[in-house]
N, C-alpha and C. Protein backbone atom coordinates (compact mmCIF):
# COMPACT_ATOMS: atom_id res chain seq x y z
N MET A 1 65.23 -24.82 72.85
CA MET A 1 66.14 -25.28 73.89
C MET A 1 67.57 -25.26 73.35
N ILE A 2 68.46 -24.69 74.15
CA ILE A 2 69.87 -24.64 73.76
C ILE A 2 70.50 -26.01 73.99
N LEU A 3 71.25 -26.46 73.00
CA LEU A 3 72.00 -27.72 73.09
C LEU A 3 73.48 -27.39 72.99
N MET A 4 74.33 -28.37 73.23
CA MET A 4 75.77 -28.15 73.16
C MET A 4 76.19 -27.66 71.77
N GLU A 5 75.49 -28.10 70.73
CA GLU A 5 75.84 -27.69 69.37
C GLU A 5 75.64 -26.19 69.13
N HIS A 6 74.87 -25.52 69.98
CA HIS A 6 74.65 -24.09 69.84
C HIS A 6 75.73 -23.26 70.54
N ILE A 7 76.54 -23.90 71.38
CA ILE A 7 77.58 -23.19 72.13
C ILE A 7 78.87 -23.16 71.33
N VAL A 8 79.37 -21.94 71.07
CA VAL A 8 80.60 -21.82 70.29
C VAL A 8 81.79 -22.26 71.14
N ARG A 9 82.81 -22.75 70.45
CA ARG A 9 83.99 -23.29 71.14
C ARG A 9 85.19 -22.36 70.99
N GLU A 10 86.19 -22.61 71.84
CA GLU A 10 87.38 -21.75 71.83
C GLU A 10 87.93 -21.66 70.41
N GLY A 11 88.42 -20.48 70.08
CA GLY A 11 88.87 -20.21 68.73
C GLY A 11 87.83 -19.39 67.95
N HIS A 12 86.57 -19.44 68.39
CA HIS A 12 85.52 -18.66 67.73
C HIS A 12 85.72 -17.18 68.08
N PRO A 13 85.65 -16.29 67.08
CA PRO A 13 85.91 -14.87 67.35
C PRO A 13 84.97 -14.22 68.37
N ALA A 14 83.75 -14.72 68.52
CA ALA A 14 82.80 -14.14 69.48
C ALA A 14 83.33 -14.21 70.91
N LEU A 15 84.18 -15.19 71.19
CA LEU A 15 84.70 -15.37 72.55
C LEU A 15 85.82 -14.39 72.89
N ARG A 16 86.32 -13.67 71.90
CA ARG A 16 87.42 -12.73 72.13
C ARG A 16 87.03 -11.28 71.90
N LYS A 17 85.73 -11.04 71.80
CA LYS A 17 85.22 -9.71 71.51
C LYS A 17 84.52 -9.15 72.74
N ARG A 18 84.68 -7.87 72.99
CA ARG A 18 83.96 -7.23 74.09
C ARG A 18 82.49 -7.09 73.68
N ALA A 19 81.60 -7.63 74.49
CA ALA A 19 80.17 -7.62 74.18
C ALA A 19 79.58 -6.23 74.38
N GLU A 20 78.48 -5.97 73.69
CA GLU A 20 77.81 -4.68 73.70
C GLU A 20 76.80 -4.57 74.84
N GLU A 21 76.73 -3.37 75.45
CA GLU A 21 75.71 -3.10 76.48
C GLU A 21 74.33 -3.11 75.83
N LEU A 22 73.33 -3.42 76.61
CA LEU A 22 71.96 -3.42 76.12
C LEU A 22 71.22 -2.22 76.69
N SER A 23 70.17 -1.80 76.00
CA SER A 23 69.32 -0.74 76.51
C SER A 23 67.94 -1.34 76.79
N PHE A 24 67.22 -0.65 77.65
CA PHE A 24 65.89 -1.13 78.08
C PHE A 24 64.81 -0.26 77.48
N PRO A 25 63.63 -0.81 77.23
CA PRO A 25 63.27 -2.21 77.48
C PRO A 25 63.97 -3.14 76.48
N LEU A 26 64.24 -4.37 76.95
CA LEU A 26 64.87 -5.36 76.08
C LEU A 26 63.91 -5.74 74.95
N SER A 27 64.49 -6.04 73.81
CA SER A 27 63.68 -6.53 72.69
C SER A 27 63.19 -7.94 73.02
N ASP A 28 62.20 -8.40 72.29
CA ASP A 28 61.71 -9.76 72.49
C ASP A 28 62.82 -10.77 72.23
N VAL A 29 63.67 -10.48 71.26
CA VAL A 29 64.80 -11.37 70.94
C VAL A 29 65.75 -11.46 72.13
N ASP A 30 66.06 -10.32 72.76
CA ASP A 30 66.97 -10.32 73.90
C ASP A 30 66.33 -10.97 75.14
N ARG A 31 65.04 -10.79 75.32
CA ARG A 31 64.35 -11.45 76.44
C ARG A 31 64.39 -12.97 76.25
N LYS A 32 64.21 -13.41 75.00
CA LYS A 32 64.27 -14.85 74.70
C LYS A 32 65.69 -15.37 74.96
N LEU A 33 66.70 -14.58 74.61
CA LEU A 33 68.09 -14.96 74.87
C LEU A 33 68.30 -15.17 76.38
N CYS A 34 67.78 -14.26 77.20
CA CYS A 34 67.88 -14.40 78.66
C CYS A 34 67.27 -15.73 79.11
N GLU A 35 66.08 -16.01 78.63
CA GLU A 35 65.40 -17.27 78.99
C GLU A 35 66.20 -18.48 78.54
N ASP A 36 66.75 -18.41 77.33
CA ASP A 36 67.52 -19.54 76.79
C ASP A 36 68.78 -19.80 77.61
N LEU A 37 69.48 -18.73 78.00
CA LEU A 37 70.69 -18.89 78.81
C LEU A 37 70.36 -19.57 80.13
N MET A 38 69.32 -19.07 80.82
CA MET A 38 68.93 -19.66 82.10
C MET A 38 68.42 -21.08 81.89
N GLY A 39 67.67 -21.29 80.84
CA GLY A 39 67.15 -22.63 80.54
C GLY A 39 68.26 -23.65 80.39
N TYR A 40 69.34 -23.25 79.70
CA TYR A 40 70.44 -24.21 79.53
C TYR A 40 71.06 -24.61 80.86
N VAL A 41 71.41 -23.62 81.69
CA VAL A 41 72.11 -23.97 82.94
C VAL A 41 71.21 -24.79 83.86
N ILE A 42 69.93 -24.50 83.88
CA ILE A 42 69.01 -25.30 84.71
C ILE A 42 68.89 -26.72 84.13
N ASN A 43 68.63 -26.82 82.83
CA ASN A 43 68.48 -28.13 82.20
C ASN A 43 69.75 -28.97 82.30
N SER A 44 70.90 -28.32 82.17
CA SER A 44 72.17 -29.07 82.18
C SER A 44 72.47 -29.67 83.55
N GLN A 45 71.85 -29.13 84.60
CA GLN A 45 72.07 -29.65 85.95
C GLN A 45 71.04 -30.72 86.33
N ASP A 46 70.08 -30.96 85.46
CA ASP A 46 69.08 -32.01 85.66
C ASP A 46 69.64 -33.27 85.01
N SER A 47 69.97 -34.27 85.82
CA SER A 47 70.67 -35.45 85.29
C SER A 47 69.89 -36.15 84.17
N GLU A 48 68.58 -36.18 84.28
CA GLU A 48 67.77 -36.83 83.25
C GLU A 48 67.82 -36.06 81.92
N LEU A 49 67.62 -34.74 82.00
CA LEU A 49 67.67 -33.92 80.78
C LEU A 49 69.09 -33.87 80.21
N SER A 50 70.07 -33.77 81.11
CA SER A 50 71.46 -33.70 80.68
C SER A 50 71.84 -34.94 79.88
N GLU A 51 71.41 -36.10 80.36
CA GLU A 51 71.72 -37.35 79.65
C GLU A 51 70.93 -37.45 78.35
N LYS A 52 69.66 -37.14 78.40
CA LYS A 52 68.79 -37.26 77.23
C LYS A 52 69.26 -36.39 76.07
N PHE A 53 69.68 -35.15 76.38
CA PHE A 53 70.06 -34.21 75.33
C PHE A 53 71.57 -34.01 75.21
N ASP A 54 72.35 -34.83 75.93
CA ASP A 54 73.82 -34.77 75.89
C ASP A 54 74.33 -33.36 76.22
N LEU A 55 73.84 -32.82 77.34
CA LEU A 55 74.23 -31.49 77.79
C LEU A 55 75.37 -31.61 78.80
N ARG A 56 76.42 -30.83 78.61
CA ARG A 56 77.47 -30.77 79.63
C ARG A 56 76.97 -29.87 80.75
N PRO A 57 77.04 -30.35 82.00
CA PRO A 57 76.57 -29.52 83.11
C PRO A 57 77.36 -28.22 83.22
N GLY A 58 76.63 -27.14 83.47
CA GLY A 58 77.26 -25.84 83.65
C GLY A 58 76.50 -25.04 84.68
N ILE A 59 77.20 -24.12 85.33
CA ILE A 59 76.55 -23.25 86.32
C ILE A 59 76.37 -21.84 85.79
N GLY A 60 76.96 -21.56 84.65
CA GLY A 60 76.82 -20.24 84.04
C GLY A 60 76.96 -20.33 82.54
N LEU A 61 76.32 -19.40 81.86
CA LEU A 61 76.42 -19.33 80.40
C LEU A 61 76.24 -17.87 80.00
N ALA A 62 77.14 -17.39 79.14
CA ALA A 62 77.12 -16.00 78.70
C ALA A 62 76.72 -15.92 77.23
N ALA A 63 76.07 -14.80 76.86
CA ALA A 63 75.60 -14.60 75.49
C ALA A 63 76.69 -14.80 74.43
N PRO A 64 77.94 -14.32 74.64
CA PRO A 64 78.96 -14.55 73.62
C PRO A 64 79.21 -16.04 73.33
N GLN A 65 78.91 -16.90 74.29
CA GLN A 65 79.08 -18.34 74.06
C GLN A 65 78.04 -18.87 73.08
N LEU A 66 77.03 -18.06 72.80
CA LEU A 66 76.02 -18.41 71.79
C LEU A 66 76.19 -17.54 70.54
N ASP A 67 77.39 -16.94 70.42
CA ASP A 67 77.71 -16.06 69.30
C ASP A 67 76.82 -14.82 69.27
N LYS A 68 76.47 -14.33 70.46
CA LYS A 68 75.68 -13.10 70.60
C LYS A 68 76.52 -12.11 71.39
N SER A 69 76.89 -11.00 70.75
CA SER A 69 77.75 -10.02 71.41
C SER A 69 76.91 -9.08 72.28
N LYS A 70 76.40 -9.64 73.36
CA LYS A 70 75.53 -8.89 74.27
C LYS A 70 75.96 -9.15 75.70
N ARG A 71 75.87 -8.11 76.54
CA ARG A 71 76.32 -8.21 77.93
C ARG A 71 75.22 -8.82 78.80
N ILE A 72 75.04 -10.12 78.62
CA ILE A 72 74.05 -10.90 79.38
C ILE A 72 74.68 -12.23 79.75
N PHE A 73 74.43 -12.67 80.99
CA PHE A 73 74.74 -14.06 81.34
C PHE A 73 73.75 -14.55 82.38
N ALA A 74 73.71 -15.86 82.52
CA ALA A 74 72.85 -16.51 83.52
C ALA A 74 73.73 -17.33 84.45
N LEU A 75 73.41 -17.30 85.74
CA LEU A 75 74.06 -18.14 86.75
C LEU A 75 72.98 -18.94 87.46
N HIS A 76 73.29 -20.20 87.73
CA HIS A 76 72.36 -21.05 88.49
C HIS A 76 73.21 -22.03 89.29
N ILE A 77 73.42 -21.71 90.57
CA ILE A 77 74.30 -22.52 91.41
C ILE A 77 73.76 -22.62 92.84
N THR A 78 74.38 -23.51 93.58
CA THR A 78 74.14 -23.61 95.01
C THR A 78 75.43 -23.19 95.68
N ASP A 79 75.35 -22.21 96.58
CA ASP A 79 76.58 -21.73 97.21
C ASP A 79 76.98 -22.61 98.40
N ASP A 80 78.02 -22.16 99.10
CA ASP A 80 78.60 -22.98 100.17
C ASP A 80 77.66 -23.24 101.35
N VAL A 81 76.58 -22.49 101.48
CA VAL A 81 75.63 -22.78 102.56
C VAL A 81 74.32 -23.35 101.98
N GLN A 82 74.44 -23.89 100.76
CA GLN A 82 73.33 -24.56 100.09
C GLN A 82 72.14 -23.66 99.82
N GLN A 83 72.40 -22.40 99.56
CA GLN A 83 71.33 -21.49 99.14
C GLN A 83 71.43 -21.33 97.63
N ALA A 84 70.31 -21.45 96.97
CA ALA A 84 70.31 -21.30 95.52
C ALA A 84 70.64 -19.86 95.14
N ILE A 85 71.53 -19.71 94.18
CA ILE A 85 71.84 -18.41 93.60
C ILE A 85 71.53 -18.57 92.12
N SER A 86 70.48 -17.92 91.70
CA SER A 86 70.03 -18.09 90.33
C SER A 86 69.53 -16.74 89.82
N PHE A 87 70.22 -16.21 88.81
CA PHE A 87 69.79 -14.92 88.25
C PHE A 87 70.35 -14.72 86.86
N ILE A 88 69.67 -13.83 86.14
CA ILE A 88 70.15 -13.36 84.84
C ILE A 88 70.72 -11.97 85.08
N ALA A 89 71.91 -11.73 84.57
CA ALA A 89 72.56 -10.44 84.74
C ALA A 89 72.70 -9.75 83.39
N VAL A 90 72.08 -8.59 83.27
CA VAL A 90 72.19 -7.78 82.07
C VAL A 90 73.06 -6.57 82.41
N ASN A 91 74.05 -6.29 81.58
CA ASN A 91 75.00 -5.19 81.80
C ASN A 91 75.64 -5.27 83.20
N PRO A 92 76.15 -6.44 83.58
CA PRO A 92 76.71 -6.60 84.93
C PRO A 92 78.04 -5.91 85.13
N LYS A 93 78.30 -5.53 86.39
CA LYS A 93 79.56 -4.90 86.76
C LYS A 93 79.95 -5.35 88.17
N ILE A 94 81.25 -5.36 88.43
CA ILE A 94 81.74 -5.53 89.80
C ILE A 94 81.97 -4.12 90.32
N VAL A 95 81.30 -3.75 91.43
CA VAL A 95 81.44 -2.39 91.96
C VAL A 95 82.48 -2.33 93.08
N SER A 96 82.75 -3.47 93.73
CA SER A 96 83.84 -3.53 94.70
C SER A 96 84.24 -4.99 94.88
N HIS A 97 85.46 -5.17 95.39
CA HIS A 97 85.96 -6.53 95.60
C HIS A 97 86.95 -6.57 96.75
N SER A 98 87.12 -7.77 97.27
CA SER A 98 88.07 -7.97 98.37
C SER A 98 89.50 -7.91 97.84
N ILE A 99 90.42 -7.67 98.74
CA ILE A 99 91.83 -7.78 98.39
C ILE A 99 92.17 -9.27 98.31
N GLU A 100 91.58 -10.03 99.22
CA GLU A 100 91.83 -11.47 99.26
C GLU A 100 91.39 -12.14 97.96
N LYS A 101 92.20 -13.08 97.53
CA LYS A 101 91.90 -13.86 96.32
C LYS A 101 91.53 -15.28 96.71
N THR A 102 90.95 -15.99 95.77
CA THR A 102 90.63 -17.40 95.93
C THR A 102 90.80 -18.08 94.59
N TYR A 103 90.69 -19.39 94.58
CA TYR A 103 90.76 -20.17 93.34
C TYR A 103 90.22 -21.56 93.61
N LEU A 104 89.83 -22.23 92.55
CA LEU A 104 89.37 -23.61 92.67
C LEU A 104 90.59 -24.52 92.52
N PRO A 105 90.91 -25.33 93.55
CA PRO A 105 92.09 -26.21 93.46
C PRO A 105 92.05 -27.14 92.26
N SER A 106 90.84 -27.53 91.83
CA SER A 106 90.71 -28.44 90.68
C SER A 106 90.74 -27.68 89.35
N GLY A 107 90.78 -26.35 89.42
CA GLY A 107 90.78 -25.54 88.21
C GLY A 107 89.36 -25.23 87.76
N GLU A 108 89.25 -24.39 86.76
CA GLU A 108 87.95 -24.02 86.20
C GLU A 108 87.74 -24.75 84.88
N GLY A 109 86.49 -24.89 84.53
CA GLY A 109 86.12 -25.46 83.24
C GLY A 109 85.20 -24.48 82.54
N CYS A 110 84.87 -24.79 81.29
CA CYS A 110 84.05 -23.88 80.50
C CYS A 110 83.33 -24.68 79.43
N LEU A 111 82.06 -24.36 79.21
CA LEU A 111 81.28 -25.05 78.19
C LEU A 111 81.82 -24.79 76.79
N SER A 112 82.60 -23.73 76.61
CA SER A 112 83.19 -23.42 75.31
C SER A 112 84.58 -24.03 75.14
N VAL A 113 85.05 -24.75 76.14
CA VAL A 113 86.39 -25.36 76.08
C VAL A 113 86.24 -26.87 76.24
N ASP A 114 86.60 -27.59 75.19
CA ASP A 114 86.43 -29.04 75.17
C ASP A 114 87.66 -29.81 75.63
N ARG A 115 88.49 -29.18 76.42
CA ARG A 115 89.71 -29.85 76.91
C ARG A 115 89.91 -29.45 78.36
N ASP A 116 90.68 -30.25 79.07
CA ASP A 116 91.04 -29.89 80.43
C ASP A 116 92.20 -28.91 80.37
N VAL A 117 92.08 -27.81 81.08
CA VAL A 117 93.15 -26.83 81.18
C VAL A 117 93.53 -26.76 82.65
N GLU A 118 94.71 -27.26 82.96
CA GLU A 118 95.14 -27.31 84.35
C GLU A 118 95.75 -25.99 84.78
N GLY A 119 95.52 -25.68 86.05
CA GLY A 119 96.14 -24.49 86.63
C GLY A 119 95.16 -23.71 87.49
N TYR A 120 95.74 -22.87 88.34
CA TYR A 120 94.95 -22.03 89.22
C TYR A 120 94.53 -20.75 88.51
N VAL A 121 93.27 -20.40 88.69
CA VAL A 121 92.72 -19.17 88.11
C VAL A 121 92.42 -18.24 89.28
N PRO A 122 93.26 -17.23 89.51
CA PRO A 122 93.01 -16.32 90.64
C PRO A 122 91.76 -15.48 90.42
N ARG A 123 90.95 -15.42 91.47
CA ARG A 123 89.71 -14.64 91.46
C ARG A 123 89.60 -13.90 92.78
N TYR A 124 88.81 -12.81 92.79
CA TYR A 124 88.53 -12.14 94.06
C TYR A 124 87.66 -13.05 94.92
N ALA A 125 87.95 -13.10 96.21
CA ALA A 125 87.21 -13.98 97.12
C ALA A 125 85.79 -13.47 97.36
N ARG A 126 85.63 -12.15 97.41
CA ARG A 126 84.31 -11.55 97.65
C ARG A 126 84.14 -10.38 96.70
N ILE A 127 82.93 -10.26 96.16
CA ILE A 127 82.65 -9.15 95.25
C ILE A 127 81.26 -8.58 95.54
N THR A 128 81.10 -7.32 95.23
CA THR A 128 79.78 -6.71 95.22
C THR A 128 79.50 -6.38 93.77
N ILE A 129 78.35 -6.82 93.30
CA ILE A 129 78.04 -6.67 91.89
C ILE A 129 76.77 -5.83 91.72
N LYS A 130 76.66 -5.27 90.54
CA LYS A 130 75.47 -4.53 90.16
C LYS A 130 75.11 -4.99 88.76
N ALA A 131 73.82 -5.21 88.52
CA ALA A 131 73.35 -5.63 87.20
C ALA A 131 71.88 -5.29 87.09
N TYR A 132 71.31 -5.62 85.96
CA TYR A 132 69.88 -5.43 85.73
C TYR A 132 69.25 -6.77 85.42
N ASP A 133 68.00 -6.93 85.82
CA ASP A 133 67.27 -8.13 85.43
C ASP A 133 66.65 -7.86 84.05
N PRO A 134 66.06 -8.87 83.41
CA PRO A 134 65.51 -8.66 82.06
C PRO A 134 64.41 -7.59 81.98
N ASP A 135 63.80 -7.26 83.12
CA ASP A 135 62.77 -6.22 83.13
C ASP A 135 63.35 -4.82 83.33
N GLY A 136 64.67 -4.73 83.47
CA GLY A 136 65.32 -3.43 83.62
C GLY A 136 65.46 -2.95 85.04
N HIS A 137 65.17 -3.83 86.01
CA HIS A 137 65.32 -3.45 87.42
C HIS A 137 66.77 -3.71 87.85
N GLU A 138 67.39 -2.67 88.41
CA GLU A 138 68.76 -2.82 88.89
C GLU A 138 68.77 -3.61 90.19
N PHE A 139 69.79 -4.46 90.36
CA PHE A 139 69.97 -5.14 91.63
C PHE A 139 71.45 -5.19 91.98
N LYS A 140 71.70 -5.28 93.28
CA LYS A 140 73.06 -5.41 93.81
C LYS A 140 73.11 -6.67 94.64
N LYS A 141 74.24 -7.35 94.61
CA LYS A 141 74.42 -8.55 95.42
C LYS A 141 75.86 -8.60 95.91
N ARG A 142 76.02 -9.20 97.08
CA ARG A 142 77.36 -9.53 97.57
C ARG A 142 77.54 -11.02 97.35
N LEU A 143 78.60 -11.39 96.68
CA LEU A 143 78.85 -12.79 96.37
C LEU A 143 80.20 -13.21 96.93
N LYS A 144 80.26 -14.47 97.35
CA LYS A 144 81.53 -15.03 97.81
C LYS A 144 81.57 -16.49 97.37
N GLY A 145 82.72 -17.10 97.56
CA GLY A 145 82.85 -18.51 97.23
C GLY A 145 82.62 -18.79 95.75
N LEU A 146 81.96 -19.92 95.47
CA LEU A 146 81.74 -20.34 94.10
C LEU A 146 80.93 -19.31 93.30
N ALA A 147 79.97 -18.67 93.94
CA ALA A 147 79.17 -17.66 93.24
C ALA A 147 80.04 -16.51 92.75
N ALA A 148 80.99 -16.07 93.57
CA ALA A 148 81.90 -14.98 93.17
C ALA A 148 82.80 -15.43 92.03
N ILE A 149 83.31 -16.64 92.12
CA ILE A 149 84.17 -17.18 91.05
C ILE A 149 83.39 -17.27 89.75
N ALA A 150 82.19 -17.84 89.81
CA ALA A 150 81.38 -18.03 88.60
C ALA A 150 81.00 -16.69 87.97
N PHE A 151 80.65 -15.71 88.81
CA PHE A 151 80.30 -14.38 88.28
C PHE A 151 81.50 -13.80 87.51
N GLN A 152 82.69 -13.89 88.10
CA GLN A 152 83.88 -13.35 87.45
C GLN A 152 84.19 -14.09 86.15
N HIS A 153 83.99 -15.41 86.14
CA HIS A 153 84.21 -16.22 84.94
C HIS A 153 83.28 -15.74 83.81
N GLU A 154 81.99 -15.58 84.14
CA GLU A 154 81.03 -15.17 83.12
C GLU A 154 81.26 -13.72 82.68
N LEU A 155 81.60 -12.84 83.62
CA LEU A 155 81.90 -11.45 83.27
C LEU A 155 83.09 -11.40 82.31
N ASP A 156 84.09 -12.24 82.54
CA ASP A 156 85.22 -12.33 81.62
C ASP A 156 84.75 -12.61 80.19
N HIS A 157 83.77 -13.53 80.04
CA HIS A 157 83.25 -13.83 78.70
C HIS A 157 82.72 -12.57 78.02
N LEU A 158 82.12 -11.68 78.79
CA LEU A 158 81.57 -10.46 78.20
C LEU A 158 82.67 -9.48 77.78
N ASN A 159 83.87 -9.72 78.29
CA ASN A 159 85.02 -8.86 77.97
C ASN A 159 86.02 -9.53 77.04
N GLY A 160 85.64 -10.68 76.48
CA GLY A 160 86.53 -11.36 75.54
C GLY A 160 87.69 -12.08 76.19
N VAL A 161 87.55 -12.43 77.46
CA VAL A 161 88.62 -13.08 78.22
C VAL A 161 88.21 -14.52 78.54
N MET A 162 89.13 -15.45 78.35
CA MET A 162 88.89 -16.85 78.69
C MET A 162 89.55 -17.14 80.04
N PHE A 163 89.01 -18.10 80.78
CA PHE A 163 89.53 -18.38 82.14
C PHE A 163 91.01 -18.72 82.12
N TYR A 164 91.47 -19.41 81.08
CA TYR A 164 92.87 -19.84 81.06
C TYR A 164 93.84 -18.68 80.79
N ASP A 165 93.31 -17.52 80.40
CA ASP A 165 94.17 -16.34 80.25
C ASP A 165 94.77 -15.92 81.59
N HIS A 166 94.11 -16.31 82.69
CA HIS A 166 94.57 -15.94 84.05
C HIS A 166 95.59 -16.93 84.62
N ILE A 167 95.76 -18.07 83.97
CA ILE A 167 96.66 -19.11 84.49
C ILE A 167 98.10 -18.78 84.11
N ASP A 168 99.01 -18.90 85.08
CA ASP A 168 100.43 -18.69 84.81
C ASP A 168 100.90 -19.77 83.82
N LYS A 169 101.32 -19.35 82.64
CA LYS A 169 101.70 -20.30 81.58
C LYS A 169 102.94 -21.13 81.95
N GLU A 170 103.86 -20.51 82.68
CA GLU A 170 105.10 -21.20 83.05
C GLU A 170 104.90 -22.18 84.20
N VAL A 171 104.14 -21.73 85.22
CA VAL A 171 103.91 -22.56 86.41
C VAL A 171 102.40 -22.52 86.71
N PRO A 172 101.62 -23.40 86.06
CA PRO A 172 100.15 -23.35 86.19
C PRO A 172 99.63 -23.48 87.62
N PHE A 173 100.36 -24.20 88.48
CA PHE A 173 99.91 -24.39 89.86
C PHE A 173 100.74 -23.56 90.84
N LYS A 174 101.24 -22.42 90.35
CA LYS A 174 102.04 -21.52 91.17
C LYS A 174 101.18 -20.97 92.30
N ASP A 175 101.78 -20.85 93.47
CA ASP A 175 101.10 -20.29 94.63
C ASP A 175 100.65 -18.88 94.31
N ILE A 176 99.42 -18.56 94.68
CA ILE A 176 98.88 -17.23 94.44
C ILE A 176 98.94 -16.46 95.76
N PRO A 177 99.79 -15.42 95.84
CA PRO A 177 99.91 -14.67 97.10
C PRO A 177 98.57 -14.12 97.57
N GLY A 178 98.29 -14.30 98.85
CA GLY A 178 97.05 -13.78 99.44
C GLY A 178 95.79 -14.52 99.05
N ALA A 179 95.96 -15.71 98.46
CA ALA A 179 94.78 -16.47 98.01
C ALA A 179 94.55 -17.70 98.87
N THR A 180 93.28 -17.99 99.10
CA THR A 180 92.89 -19.19 99.83
C THR A 180 92.10 -20.08 98.88
N PRO A 181 92.48 -21.35 98.76
CA PRO A 181 91.74 -22.23 97.86
C PRO A 181 90.30 -22.41 98.34
N LEU A 182 89.37 -22.45 97.40
CA LEU A 182 87.96 -22.67 97.73
C LEU A 182 87.74 -24.19 97.77
N VAL A 183 87.44 -24.68 98.95
CA VAL A 183 87.21 -26.11 99.12
C VAL A 183 85.71 -26.31 99.29
N ARG A 184 85.14 -27.13 98.42
CA ARG A 184 83.69 -27.42 98.48
C ARG A 184 83.48 -28.80 99.04
N ASP A 185 82.37 -28.95 99.77
CA ASP A 185 82.04 -30.27 100.33
C ASP A 185 81.56 -31.21 99.25
């Protein structure tokens, strides 16, 4: 079981490196990594397990956050219409995106960042993604709202980019042209 102590923190070189693509079939080690990533995000959202094991709740976790330079991440969230979005993405890509942008008014957080970083993080409002599941089956999804934001956040991890790299350093809460804030109930 992954604990907070296994997640590398900002400043660690793994977080600034472009992760490597994987080939199929995945090795047993890589399949276990997929399970561990998903296990953490599910366990961290369970209040009893989260408290017992001192897990910070998260909706996504990428392999580089475990010091593994591999293009894998797990997402486990409930979107704006309360439908569960839960998948492991191997070698993920954004194949198209909206012109419209969005952002979380409260800002983004990250399991690898132990401080509050204020500011708007511009993201595409809608994206179409392509990835593979751990068995090597390709899938495509259209994501919007929090799912689109989370996918982009995790994809950034695979490219050595941190969420705060997108924040305007001079004016963190600067208006983002063409962006609508994502308001969650």
